[in-house]
C-alpha atoms as a PDB file:
ATOM      1  CA  MET A   1       0.000   0.000   0.000  1.00  0.00           C
ATOM      2  CA  HIS A   2       1.166   3.534  -0.674  1.00  0.00           C
ATOM      3  CA  GLN A   3       2.828   5.334   2.207  1.00  0.00           C
ATOM      4  CA  ILE A   4       0.501   7.930   3.720  1.00  0.00           C
ATOM      5  CA  ALA A   5       1.922  11.030   5.330  1.00  0.00           C
ATOM      6  CA  GLY A   6       1.451  11.784   9.013  1.00  0.00           C
ATOM      7  CA  PHE A   7      -0.751  14.786   8.344  1.00  0.00           C
ATOM      8  CA  LEU A   8      -3.725  12.443   7.966  1.00  0.00           C
ATOM      9  CA  SER A   9      -4.206  12.293  11.723  1.00  0.00           C
ATOM     10  CA  ARG A  10      -4.865  16.040  11.652  1.00  0.00           C
ATOM     11  CA  TRP A  11      -6.994  16.014   8.506  1.00  0.00           C
ATOM     12  CA  VAL A  12     -10.102  18.215   8.467  1.00  0.00           C
ATOM     13  CA  LEU A  13     -12.787  18.473   5.837  1.00  0.00           C
ATOM     14  CA  ILE A  14     -12.548  21.380   3.423  1.00  0.00           C
ATOM     15  CA  PRO A  15     -15.916  21.972   1.716  1.00  0.00           C
ATOM     16  CA  ASN A  16     -15.839  22.272  -2.078  1.00  0.00           C
ATOM     17  CA  GLU A  17     -18.152  23.130  -4.935  1.00  0.00           C
ATOM     18  CA  ASN A  18     -19.776  19.676  -4.906  1.00  0.00           C
ATOM     19  CA  MET A  19     -21.015  20.155  -1.326  1.00  0.00           C
ATOM     20  CA  THR A  20     -24.388  21.744  -0.829  1.00  0.00           C
ATOM     21  CA  GLU A  21     -26.734  22.335   2.046  1.00  0.00           C
ATOM     22  CA  ALA A  22     -29.657  21.633  -0.304  1.00  0.00           C
ATOM     23  CA  TYR A  23     -28.975  17.905  -0.696  1.00  0.00           C
ATOM     24  CA  ASP A  24     -29.205  15.488   2.189  1.00  0.00           C
ATOM     25  CA  MET A  25     -30.013  11.848   2.825  1.00  0.00           C
ATOM     26  CA  ARG A  26     -33.739  12.502   2.298  1.00  0.00           C
ATOM     27  CA  SER A  27     -32.993  12.886  -1.412  1.00  0.00           C
ATOM     28  CA  VAL A  28     -31.843   9.282  -1.834  1.00  0.00           C
ATOM     29  CA  ALA A  29     -35.233   7.524  -1.879  1.00  0.00           C
ATOM     30  CA  PRO A  30     -36.888   9.925  -4.365  1.00  0.00           C
ATOM     31  CA  THR A  31     -33.813   9.739  -6.592  1.00  0.00           C
ATOM     32  CA  VAL A  32     -33.683   5.944  -6.638  1.00  0.00           C
ATOM     33  CA  CYS A  33     -37.409   5.776  -7.312  1.00  0.00           C
ATOM     34  CA  SER A  34     -37.225   8.296 -10.138  1.00  0.00           C
ATOM     35  CA  VAL A  35     -34.353   6.420 -11.758  1.00  0.00           C
ATOM     36  CA  LEU A  36     -36.401   3.199 -11.576  1.00  0.00           C
ATOM     37  CA  GLY A  37     -39.511   4.930 -12.898  1.00  0.00           C
ATOM     38  CA  ILE A  38     -41.684   4.465  -9.806  1.00  0.00           C
ATOM     39  CA  ARG A  39     -43.258   6.877  -7.337  1.00  0.00           C
ATOM     40  CA  SER A  40     -41.502   7.881  -4.120  1.00  0.00           C
ATOM     41  CA  PRO A  41     -42.472   6.388  -0.728  1.00  0.00           C
ATOM     42  CA  ARG A  42     -45.407   8.213   0.832  1.00  0.00           C
ATOM     43  CA  LYS A  43     -43.366   9.968   3.531  1.00  0.00           C
ATOM     44  CA  ALA A  44     -40.594  11.176   1.200  1.00  0.00           C
ATOM     45  CA  GLU A  45     -39.888  14.854   1.794  1.00  0.00           C
ATOM     46  CA  ARG A  46     -37.500  15.865  -0.987  1.00  0.00           C
ATOM     47  CA  GLU A  47     -37.438  15.897  -4.761  1.00  0.00           C
ATOM     48  CA  PRO A  48     -35.092  13.618  -6.756  1.00  0.00           C
ATOM     49  CA  LEU A  49     -31.565  14.844  -7.425  1.00  0.00           C
ATOM     50  CA  PRO A  50     -31.842  16.195 -10.981  1.00  0.00           C
ATOM     51  CA  GLU A  51     -28.189  15.583 -11.869  1.00  0.00           C
ATOM     52  CA  VAL A  52     -28.563  11.896 -11.054  1.00  0.00           C
ATOM     53  CA  VAL A  53     -31.901  11.324 -12.769  1.00  0.00           C
ATOM     54  CA  GLU A  54     -30.759  13.087 -15.930  1.00  0.00           C
ATOM     55  CA  SER A  55     -27.661  10.930 -16.434  1.00  0.00           C
ATOM     56  CA  LEU A  56     -28.720   7.640 -14.791  1.00  0.00           C
ATOM     57  CA  GLY A  57     -32.423   7.200 -15.459  1.00  0.00           C
ATOM     58  CA  PRO A  58     -34.581   5.616 -16.614  1.00  0.00           C
ATOM     59  CA  GLN A  59     -33.068   2.360 -15.431  1.00  0.00           C
ATOM     60  CA  ARG A  60     -34.759  -1.043 -15.240  1.00  0.00           C
ATOM     61  CA  ARG A  61     -32.122  -2.430 -12.879  1.00  0.00           C
ATOM     62  CA  LEU A  62     -30.110  -0.586 -10.254  1.00  0.00           C
ATOM     63  CA  ALA A  63     -27.511  -1.506  -7.618  1.00  0.00           C
ATOM     64  CA  VAL A  64     -26.951   0.758  -4.605  1.00  0.00           C
ATOM     65  CA  VAL A  65     -23.764   0.203  -2.597  1.00  0.00           C
ATOM     66  CA  VAL A  66     -23.400   1.872   0.810  1.00  0.00           C
ATOM     67  CA  ILE A  67     -19.846   1.899   2.167  1.00  0.00           C
ATOM     68  CA  ASP A  68     -20.508   2.444   5.851  1.00  0.00           C
ATOM     69  CA  ALA A  69     -18.615   5.407   7.402  1.00  0.00           C
ATOM     70  CA  PHE A  70     -16.875   6.243   4.113  1.00  0.00           C
ATOM     71  CA  GLY A  71     -17.383   9.953   4.626  1.00  0.00           C
ATOM     72  CA  SER A  72     -15.987  12.604   2.326  1.00  0.00           C
ATOM     73  CA  SER A  73     -13.068  13.185   4.690  1.00  0.00           C
ATOM     74  CA  THR A  74     -12.251   9.478   4.982  1.00  0.00           C
ATOM     75  CA  TRP A  75     -12.322   9.102   1.207  1.00  0.00           C
ATOM     76  CA  ASP A  76     -10.031  12.093   0.780  1.00  0.00           C
ATOM     77  CA  ALA A  77      -7.503  10.501   3.127  1.00  0.00           C
ATOM     78  CA  ALA A  78      -7.676   7.154   1.296  1.00  0.00           C
ATOM     79  CA  LYS A  79      -7.877   8.257  -2.344  1.00  0.00           C
ATOM     80  CA  THR A  80      -4.605   6.601  -3.332  1.00  0.00           C
ATOM     81  CA  GLU A  81      -6.189   3.260  -2.375  1.00  0.00           C
ATOM     82  CA  THR A  82      -9.673   3.567  -3.916  1.00  0.00           C
ATOM     83  CA  PRO A  83      -9.240   3.442  -7.717  1.00  0.00           C
ATOM     84  CA  THR A  84     -12.701   2.019  -8.479  1.00  0.00           C
ATOM     85  CA  PHE A  85     -14.542   4.562  -6.384  1.00  0.00           C
ATOM     86  CA  ASN A  86     -12.340   7.342  -7.786  1.00  0.00           C
ATOM     87  CA  ALA A  87     -13.146   6.325 -11.353  1.00  0.00           C
ATOM     88  CA  ILE A  88     -16.888   6.415 -10.646  1.00  0.00           C
ATOM     89  CA  ALA A  89     -16.584   9.764  -8.853  1.00  0.00           C
ATOM     90  CA  ASN A  90     -14.621  11.182 -11.765  1.00  0.00           C
ATOM     91  CA  ARG A  91     -17.764  10.650 -13.839  1.00  0.00           C
ATOM     92  CA  HIS A  92     -20.360  11.939 -11.389  1.00  0.00           C
ATOM     93  CA  LEU A  93     -20.018  13.227  -7.830  1.00  0.00           C
ATOM     94  CA  LEU A  94     -22.082  15.047  -5.247  1.00  0.00           C
ATOM     95  CA  HIS A  95     -21.650  15.333  -1.487  1.00  0.00           C
ATOM     96  CA  LEU A  96     -24.749  14.814   0.638  1.00  0.00           C
ATOM     97  CA  ARG A  97     -25.412  15.680   4.255  1.00  0.00           C
ATOM     98  CA  SER A  98     -26.265  12.810   6.559  1.00  0.00           C
ATOM     99  CA  VAL A  99     -29.268  13.357   8.808  1.00  0.00           C
ATOM    100  CA  MET A 100     -28.921  13.683  12.563  1.00  0.00           C
ATOM    101  CA  PRO A 101     -27.876  11.827  14.532  1.00  0.00           C
ATOM    102  CA  THR A 102     -25.214  10.696  12.054  1.00  0.00           C
ATOM    103  CA  ILE A 103     -25.510   6.992  12.803  1.00  0.00           C
ATOM    104  CA  THR A 104     -26.296   4.068  10.528  1.00  0.00           C
ATOM    105  CA  PRO A 105     -29.870   2.988  11.438  1.00  0.00           C
ATOM    106  CA  VAL A 106     -31.133   6.567  11.346  1.00  0.00           C
ATOM    107  CA  ASN A 107     -29.640   7.251   7.939  1.00  0.00           C
ATOM    108  CA  PHE A 108     -30.645   3.898   6.454  1.00  0.00           C
ATOM    109  CA  ALA A 109     -34.236   4.514   7.522  1.00  0.00           C
ATOM    110  CA  THR A 110     -34.111   7.917   5.837  1.00  0.00           C
ATOM    111  CA  MET A 111     -32.474   6.499   2.691  1.00  0.00           C
ATOM    112  CA  LEU A 112     -35.219   3.902   2.219  1.00  0.00           C
ATOM    113  CA  THR A 113     -38.236   6.071   3.138  1.00  0.00           C
ATOM    114  CA  GLY A 114     -37.159   9.601   2.250  1.00  0.00           C
ATOM    115  CA  ALA A 115     -38.419  10.719   5.672  1.00  0.00           C
ATOM    116  CA  SER A 116     -36.693  12.790   8.358  1.00  0.00           C
ATOM    117  CA  PRO A 117     -35.649  11.071  11.604  1.00  0.00           C
ATOM    118  CA  ASP A 118     -38.419  12.949  13.417  1.00  0.00           C
ATOM    119  CA  VAL A 119     -40.897  11.230  11.107  1.00  0.00           C
ATOM    120  CA  HIS A 120     -39.587   7.661  10.871  1.00  0.00           C
ATOM    121  CA  LEU A 121     -38.467   7.700  14.548  1.00  0.00           C
ATOM    122  CA  ILE A 122     -35.771   5.047  14.075  1.00  0.00           C
ATOM    123  CA  ARG A 123     -32.807   5.346  16.428  1.00  0.00           C
ATOM    124  CA  ALA A 124     -31.593   1.730  16.621  1.00  0.00           C
ATOM    125  CA  ARG A 125     -31.438  -1.139  14.143  1.00  0.00           C
ATOM    126  CA  GLU A 126     -33.601  -3.364  16.358  1.00  0.00           C
ATOM    127  CA  GLU A 127     -36.576  -1.001  16.099  1.00  0.00           C
ATOM    128  CA  GLU A 128     -39.455  -1.514  13.665  1.00  0.00           C
ATOM    129  CA  LEU A 129     -39.680   0.707  10.618  1.00  0.00           C
ATOM    130  CA  THR A 130     -43.380   1.349  10.062  1.00  0.00           C
ATOM    131  CA  HIS A 131     -43.323   3.648   7.025  1.00  0.00           C
ATOM    132  CA  GLU A 132     -43.407   2.705   3.363  1.00  0.00           C
ATOM    133  CA  THR A 133     -40.004   1.983   1.818  1.00  0.00           C
ATOM    134  CA  ILE A 134     -38.633   1.924  -1.709  1.00  0.00           C
ATOM    135  CA  PHE A 135     -38.927  -1.869  -1.570  1.00  0.00           C
ATOM    136  CA  ASP A 136     -42.658  -1.660  -0.838  1.00  0.00           C
ATOM    137  CA  VAL A 137     -43.269   0.664  -3.773  1.00  0.00           C
ATOM    138  CA  LEU A 138     -41.219  -1.537  -6.085  1.00  0.00           C
ATOM    139  CA  ARG A 139     -43.182  -4.644  -5.066  1.00  0.00           C
ATOM    140  CA  ARG A 140     -46.476  -2.916  -5.837  1.00  0.00           C
ATOM    141  CA  GLU A 141     -45.160  -2.326  -9.347  1.00  0.00           C
ATOM    142  CA  GLY A 142     -44.516  -6.056  -9.761  1.00  0.00           C
ATOM    143  CA  ARG A 143     -40.753  -5.706  -9.494  1.00  0.00           C
ATOM    144  CA  THR A 144     -38.235  -7.226  -7.088  1.00  0.00           C
ATOM    145  CA  SER A 145     -35.699  -6.012  -4.537  1.00  0.00           C
ATOM    146  CA  ALA A 146     -32.724  -7.726  -2.923  1.00  0.00           C
ATOM    147  CA  THR A 147     -30.253  -6.935  -0.179  1.00  0.00           C
ATOM    148  CA  ALA A 148     -26.694  -8.039   0.567  1.00  0.00           C
ATOM    149  CA  ALA A 149     -25.948  -7.457   4.226  1.00  0.00           C
ATOM    150  CA  ARG A 150     -24.287  -8.781   7.340  1.00  0.00           C
ATOM    151  CA  ALA A 151     -26.623 -10.549   9.746  1.00  0.00           C
ATOM    152  CA  LEU A 152     -25.832  -8.060  12.518  1.00  0.00           C
ATOM    153  CA  SER A 153     -26.009  -4.900  10.382  1.00  0.00           C
ATOM    154  CA  SER A 154     -28.647  -2.208  10.040  1.00  0.00           C
ATOM    155  CA  LEU A 155     -29.358  -3.313   6.495  1.00  0.00           C
ATOM    156  CA  GLY A 156     -29.648  -6.914   7.669  1.00  0.00           C
ATOM    157  CA  ILE A 157     -31.863  -6.300  10.709  1.00  0.00           C
ATOM    158  CA  LEU A 158     -33.783  -3.088  10.027  1.00  0.00           C
ATOM    159  CA  ILE A 159     -34.184  -3.033   6.235  1.00  0.00           C
ATOM    160  CA  SER A 160     -33.816  -6.549   4.787  1.00  0.00           C
ATOM    161  CA  PRO A 161     -37.232  -7.739   6.074  1.00  0.00           C
ATOM    162  CA  PHE A 162     -38.780  -5.387   3.481  1.00  0.00           C
ATOM    163  CA  ALA A 163     -36.849  -6.948   0.576  1.00  0.00           C
ATOM    164  CA  ASP A 164     -38.177  -9.722  -1.651  1.00  0.00           C
ATOM    165  CA  LEU A 165     -34.779 -11.417  -1.693  1.00  0.00           C
ATOM    166  CA  PRO A 166     -32.950 -10.657   1.561  1.00  0.00           C
ATOM    167  CA  GLY A 167     -29.313 -11.700   1.307  1.00  0.00           C
ATOM    168  CA  ILE A 168     -27.845 -12.222   4.774  1.00  0.00           C
ATOM    169  CA  ALA A 169     -24.194 -13.086   5.464  1.00  0.00           C
ATOM    170  CA  GLU A 170     -24.260 -15.026   8.729  1.00  0.00           C
ATOM    171  CA  THR A 171     -20.452 -14.834   8.803  1.00  0.00           C
ATOM    172  CA  ASN A 172     -20.701 -11.032   9.135  1.00  0.00           C
ATOM    173  CA  LEU A 173     -17.860 -10.654   6.654  1.00  0.00           C
ATOM    174  CA  ASP A 174     -17.801  -8.093   3.845  1.00  0.00           C
ATOM    175  CA  GLU A 175     -16.292 -10.687   1.525  1.00  0.00           C
ATOM    176  CA  ASP A 176     -19.457 -12.760   1.830  1.00  0.00           C
ATOM    177  CA  VAL A 177     -21.666  -9.682   1.500  1.00  0.00           C
ATOM    178  CA  CYS A 178     -19.902  -8.958  -1.782  1.00  0.00           C
ATOM    179  CA  GLY A 179     -20.638 -12.500  -2.952  1.00  0.00           C
ATOM    180  CA  LEU A 180     -24.306 -12.091  -2.074  1.00  0.00           C
ATOM    181  CA  ALA A 181     -24.430  -8.797  -3.971  1.00  0.00           C
ATOM    182  CA  VAL A 182     -22.950 -10.333  -7.106  1.00  0.00           C
ATOM    183  CA  GLY A 183     -25.381 -13.240  -6.833  1.00  0.00           C
ATOM    184  CA  ALA A 184     -28.396 -10.940  -6.494  1.00  0.00           C
ATOM    185  CA  ILE A 185     -27.280  -8.944  -9.533  1.00  0.00           C
ATOM    186  CA  GLU A 186     -26.843 -12.137 -11.553  1.00  0.00           C
ATOM    187  CA  GLU A 187     -30.349 -13.213 -10.485  1.00  0.00           C
ATOM    188  CA  GLY A 188     -31.707  -9.981 -11.972  1.00  0.00           C
ATOM    189  CA  ALA A 189     -33.440  -8.263  -9.046  1.00  0.00           C
ATOM    190  CA  ASN A 190     -34.575  -4.817 -10.127  1.00  0.00           C
ATOM    191  CA  LEU A 191     -32.970  -3.170  -7.090  1.00  0.00           C
ATOM    192  CA  VAL A 192     -29.997  -4.559  -5.152  1.00  0.00           C
ATOM    193  CA  TRP A 193     -29.020  -2.728  -1.937  1.00  0.00           C
ATOM    194  CA  VAL A 194     -25.614  -3.474  -0.388  1.00  0.00           C
ATOM    195  CA  GLN A 195     -23.872  -2.460   2.855  1.00  0.00           C
ATOM    196  CA  LEU A 196     -20.104  -2.868   3.367  1.00  0.00           C
ATOM    197  CA  LEU A 197     -18.983  -2.402   6.974  1.00  0.00           C
ATOM    198  CA  ASP A 198     -15.227  -2.911   7.272  1.00  0.00           C
ATOM    199  CA  VAL A 199     -14.430   0.801   6.930  1.00  0.00           C
ATOM    200  CA  ASP A 200     -16.718   1.631   9.841  1.00  0.00           C
ATOM    201  CA  GLU A 201     -15.382  -1.127  12.088  1.00  0.00           C
ATOM    202  CA  VAL A 202     -11.720  -0.360  11.484  1.00  0.00           C
ATOM    203  CA  GLY A 203     -12.320   3.374  11.785  1.00  0.00           C
ATOM    204  CA  HIS A 204     -13.856   2.885  15.214  1.00  0.00           C
ATOM    205  CA  SER A 205     -10.862   0.839  16.359  1.00  0.00           C
ATOM    206  CA  HIS A 206      -8.007   2.870  14.881  1.00  0.00           C
ATOM    207  CA  GLY A 207      -9.414   6.223  13.753  1.00  0.00           C
ATOM    208  CA  PRO A 208     -10.829   7.105  10.331  1.00  0.00           C
ATOM    209  CA  PHE A 209      -7.561   8.506   8.948  1.00  0.00           C
ATOM    210  CA  SER A 210      -5.251   5.763  10.218  1.00  0.00           C
ATOM    211  CA  LEU A 211      -3.225   3.442   8.018  1.00  0.00           C
ATOM    212  CA  GLU A 212      -5.543   0.635   9.113  1.00  0.00           C
ATOM    213  CA  SER A 213      -8.577   2.597   7.989  1.00  0.00           C
ATOM    214  CA  ILE A 214      -6.976   3.352   4.645  1.00  0.00           C
ATOM    215  CA  ALA A 215      -6.304  -0.360   4.189  1.00  0.00           C
ATOM    216  CA  ALA A 216      -9.977  -1.052   4.974  1.00  0.00           C
ATOM    217  CA  CYS A 217     -10.979   1.500   2.324  1.00  0.00           C
ATOM    218  CA  HIS A 218      -8.789  -0.373  -0.145  1.00  0.00           C
ATOM    219  CA  GLY A 219     -10.586  -3.595   0.746  1.00  0.00           C
ATOM    220  CA  ALA A 220     -13.991  -1.987   0.290  1.00  0.00           C
ATOM    221  CA  ASP A 221     -12.881  -0.640  -3.071  1.00  0.00           C
ATOM    222  CA  THR A 222     -11.894  -4.150  -4.146  1.00  0.00           C
ATOM    223  CA  HIS A 223     -15.373  -5.411  -3.253  1.00  0.00           C
ATOM    224  CA  LEU A 224     -16.827  -2.453  -5.137  1.00  0.00           C
ATOM    225  CA  LYS A 225     -14.818  -3.442  -8.211  1.00  0.00           C
ATOM    226  CA  TYR A 226     -16.360  -6.929  -8.233  1.00  0.00           C
ATOM    227  CA  ILE A 227     -19.867  -5.512  -7.773  1.00  0.00           C
ATOM    228  CA  THR A 228     -19.260  -2.916 -10.494  1.00  0.00           C
ATOM    229  CA  ARG A 229     -18.068  -5.581 -12.927  1.00  0.00           C
ATOM    230  CA  SER A 230     -21.160  -7.669 -12.258  1.00  0.00           C
ATOM    231  CA  ALA A 231     -23.414  -4.618 -12.634  1.00  0.00           C
ATOM    232  CA  TYR A 232     -21.861  -3.865 -16.015  1.00  0.00           C
ATOM    233  CA  GLN A 233     -22.188  -7.450 -17.230  1.00  0.00           C
ATOM    234  CA  GLU A 234     -25.848  -7.664 -16.191  1.00  0.00           C
ATOM    235  CA  GLY A 235     -26.958  -4.230 -17.411  1.00  0.00           C
ATOM    236  CA  TYR A 236     -27.342  -2.364 -14.100  1.00  0.00           C
ATOM    237  CA  GLY A 237     -26.928   1.271 -13.228  1.00  0.00           C
ATOM    238  CA  LEU A 238     -24.891   1.914 -10.087  1.00  0.00           C
ATOM    239  CA  ILE A 239     -25.066   4.313  -7.140  1.00  0.00           C
ATOM    240  CA  VAL A 240     -22.359   4.350  -4.448  1.00  0.00           C
ATOM    241  CA  LEU A 241     -22.557   6.425  -1.271  1.00  0.00           C
ATOM    242  CA  ALA A 242     -21.904   6.405   2.460  1.00  0.00           C
ATOM    243  CA  ASP A 243     -24.366   6.702   5.323  1.00  0.00           C
ATOM    244  CA  HIS A 244     -22.133   8.916   7.488  1.00  0.00           C
ATOM    245  CA  GLY A 245     -18.458   9.608   8.171  1.00  0.00           C
ATOM    246  CA  GLN A 246     -16.278   9.522  11.277  1.00  0.00           C
ATOM    247  CA  HIS A 247     -14.039  11.885  13.210  1.00  0.00           C
ATOM    248  CA  THR A 248     -11.006  11.152  15.365  1.00  0.00           C
ATOM    249  CA  VAL A 249     -11.067  11.053  19.152  1.00  0.00           C
ATOM    250  CA  VAL A 250      -7.789  10.986  21.107  1.00  0.00           C
ATOM    251  CA  ARG A 251      -7.936   8.925  24.282  1.00  0.00           C
ATOM    252  CA  GLU A 252      -6.167   9.814  27.529  1.00  0.00           C
ATOM    253  CA  ASN A 253      -3.381   7.359  26.693  1.00  0.00           C
ATOM    254  CA  GLY A 254      -2.797   9.087  23.361  1.00  0.00           C
ATOM    255  CA  SER A 255      -4.344   6.386  21.180  1.00  0.00           C
ATOM    256  CA  LYS A 256      -6.816   7.383  18.476  1.00  0.00           C
ATOM    257  CA  VAL A 257     -10.224   5.927  17.733  1.00  0.00           C
ATOM    258  CA  GLY A 258     -13.108   6.966  15.534  1.00  0.00           C
ATOM    259  CA  THR A 259     -16.648   7.956  16.354  1.00  0.00           C
ATOM    260  CA  HIS A 260     -19.667   9.661  14.750  1.00  0.00           C
ATOM    261  CA  GLY A 261     -23.153  10.847  15.534  1.00  0.00           C
ATOM    262  CA  THR A 262     -22.336  14.562  15.726  1.00  0.00           C
ATOM    263  CA  LEU A 263     -22.598  17.618  13.488  1.00  0.00           C
ATOM    264  CA  ALA A 264     -18.860  17.555  12.789  1.00  0.00           C
ATOM    265  CA  ASP A 265     -18.225  17.942   9.055  1.00  0.00           C
ATOM    266  CA  GLU A 266     -16.302  14.656   9.061  1.00  0.00           C
ATOM    267  CA  ASP A 267     -19.442  12.877  10.314  1.00  0.00           C
ATOM    268  CA  VAL A 268     -21.955  14.734   8.169  1.00  0.00           C
ATOM    269  CA  TYR A 269     -20.650  14.987   4.601  1.00  0.00           C
ATOM    270  CA  VAL A 270     -20.657  11.848   2.453  1.00  0.00           C
ATOM    271  CA  PRO A 271     -19.843  11.254  -1.214  1.00  0.00           C
ATOM    272  CA  PHE A 272     -22.618  10.237  -3.586  1.00  0.00           C
ATOM    273  CA  THR A 273     -21.498   8.849  -6.957  1.00  0.00           C
ATOM    274  CA  TRP A 274     -23.231   7.115  -9.834  1.00  0.00           C
ATOM    275  CA  CYS A 275     -22.829   5.703 -13.347  1.00  0.00           C
ATOM    276  CA  ASN A 276     -25.168   4.356 -15.975  1.00  0.00           C
ATOM    277  CA  VAL A 277     -24.427   0.989 -17.528  1.00  0.00           C
ATOM    278  CA  SER A 278     -22.862   2.486 -20.655  1.00  0.00           C
ATOM    279  CA  GLU A 279     -20.281   4.250 -18.469  1.00  0.00           C
ATOM    280  CA  LEU A 280     -19.360   1.259 -16.322  1.00  0.00           C
ATOM    281  CA  GLY A 281     -17.164  -0.463 -18.902  1.00  0.00           C
ATOM    282  CA  GLY A 282     -14.895   2.555 -19.085  1.00  0.00           C
ATOM    283  CA  ILE A 283     -14.911   2.812 -15.296  1.00  0.00           C
ATOM    284  CA  LEU A 284     -13.606  -0.744 -14.950  1.00  0.00           C
ATOM    285  CA  GLY A 285     -10.899  -0.204 -17.523  1.00  0.00           C
ATOM    286  CA  HIS A 286      -9.720   2.994 -15.847  1.00  0.00           C
ATOM    287  CA  ALA A 287      -9.810   1.518 -12.338  1.00  0.00           C
ATOM    288  CA  GLU A 288      -7.730  -1.518 -13.331  1.00  0.00           C
ATOM    289  CA  GLN A 289      -4.938   0.425 -15.044  1.00  0.00           C
END
């Protein structure tokens, strides 16, 4: 792996022209639905992202990959190790704001319903989501949804019960989640929703800008490459985003760990990238150079 300079431990997010207060996690559900040509869930509060719909839709099949805790700041620190994600982002990139609190179950509930946390009321993955999701709308249109998730994840516990084809990795390993994602794409589900968790886990243990975290980002990017290749071969559009980021906390003994849930920019801003199927072939070629 490339050597990463020591300044990463002091890295802070610098907003750029792709970051906007207007776009947040509530935009995900309407955007996915518009791309697939279906209505938004009943509680959705925002309009679709026009940039995404214009270049990605209409799409009969779509894969959505969520790299947990891969915030804009974490990606910036790991860019030398994420060639697949970089190639997709070089085509299309926005930065969204996570909703508060910036934790996974809250943001997954918002992603799938389009509703604010004060509406869906989810705060933990063990709670019951009672509002209409993208998966519900898709089913009413006679189309199918699938997930690829760890058994102990928010996608596995909170969201997968809504899917027609829930893919659950009992091993709780991202490698097996990746295999489930590829299998669901090959089976032809109209919407495949994936959650990769290694970046979040390693960030919590070592800090989001550590060498260990950067290695985890590299691993996630490798899984993304396999999913992207399968999406291209099977005629899928692709969206890749994060649910939240992480910031560094220094313990009394001087060691660094990662956490999230706050309004810190590192927690809040996440990358949102996408490609239509005609673009994915070029993405793969560029990423593998």
